[in-house]
Amino acid sequence: MSKDQKAKAKKEQAKGKAEETLGRAVGNERMTAKGRAEQMKGDARQAKEKEKDVFKH
């Protein structure tokens, strides 16, 4: 996995988790949903990069 893409995926996952947690704390459903979407975006990026690594070897 490309290091910069791996870092970007982790950053998206962490940002999404924080936003989801904050949204739950203040009772903002929109923020909670946006946080979950950000996490899924990071998960998808990470999965894509892992798939690339499988085919490299």
Protein backbone atom coordinates (compact mmCIF):
# COMPACT_ATOMS: atom_id res chain seq x y z
CA MET A 1 0.00 0.00 0.00
CA SER A 2 1.31 3.41 -0.90
CA LYS A 3 2.34 5.17 2.28
CA ASP A 4 0.65 8.45 1.42
CA GLN A 5 -2.60 6.71 0.46
CA LYS A 6 -2.46 4.59 3.62
CA ALA A 7 -1.99 7.71 5.72
CA LYS A 8 -4.84 9.45 3.89
CA ALA A 9 -7.14 6.48 4.53
CA LYS A 10 -6.27 6.44 8.24
CA LYS A 11 -6.80 10.20 8.46
CA GLU A 12 -10.24 9.91 6.82
CA GLN A 13 -11.20 7.09 9.17
CA ALA A 14 -10.09 9.02 12.27
CA LYS A 15 -11.76 12.25 11.14
CA GLY A 16 -14.98 10.38 10.43
CA LYS A 17 -14.94 8.64 13.80
CA ALA A 18 -14.40 11.95 15.61
CA GLU A 19 -17.18 13.64 13.64
CA GLU A 20 -19.56 10.75 14.27
CA THR A 21 -18.80 10.80 18.00
CA LEU A 22 -19.28 14.56 18.20
CA GLY A 23 -22.53 14.31 16.26
CA ARG A 24 -23.86 11.72 18.68
CA ALA A 25 -22.77 13.80 21.68
CA VAL A 26 -24.64 16.90 20.52
CA GLY A 27 -27.55 14.98 19.00
CA ASN A 28 -26.86 16.08 15.42
CA GLU A 29 -27.92 13.27 13.08
CA ARG A 30 -26.53 15.01 10.00
CA MET A 31 -23.05 15.26 11.55
CA THR A 32 -23.24 11.64 12.69
CA ALA A 33 -24.14 10.49 9.17
CA LYS A 34 -21.40 12.64 7.64
CA GLY A 35 -18.89 11.07 10.03
CA ARG A 36 -19.97 7.57 9.07
CA ALA A 37 -19.65 8.47 5.39
CA GLU A 38 -16.11 9.79 5.95
CA GLN A 39 -15.18 6.53 7.70
CA MET A 40 -16.56 4.48 4.81
CA LYS A 41 -14.59 6.61 2.37
CA GLY A 42 -11.40 5.82 4.31
CA ASP A 43 -12.31 2.13 4.46
CA ALA A 44 -12.85 2.03 0.71
CA ARG A 45 -9.53 3.77 0.02
CA GLN A 46 -7.73 1.33 2.30
CA ALA A 47 -9.38 -1.69 0.66
CA LYS A 48 -8.47 -0.40 -2.81
CA GLU A 49 -4.83 0.03 -1.85
CA LYS A 50 -4.68 -3.41 -0.23
CA GLU A 51 -6.10 -4.92 -3.42
CA LYS A 52 -3.38 -3.21 -5.44
CA ASP A 53 -0.74 -4.69 -3.13
CA VAL A 54 -2.12 -8.21 -3.63
CA PHE A 55 -1.70 -7.94 -7.38
CA LYS A 56 1.79 -6.43 -7.14
CA HIS A 57 3.25 -9.55 -5.59
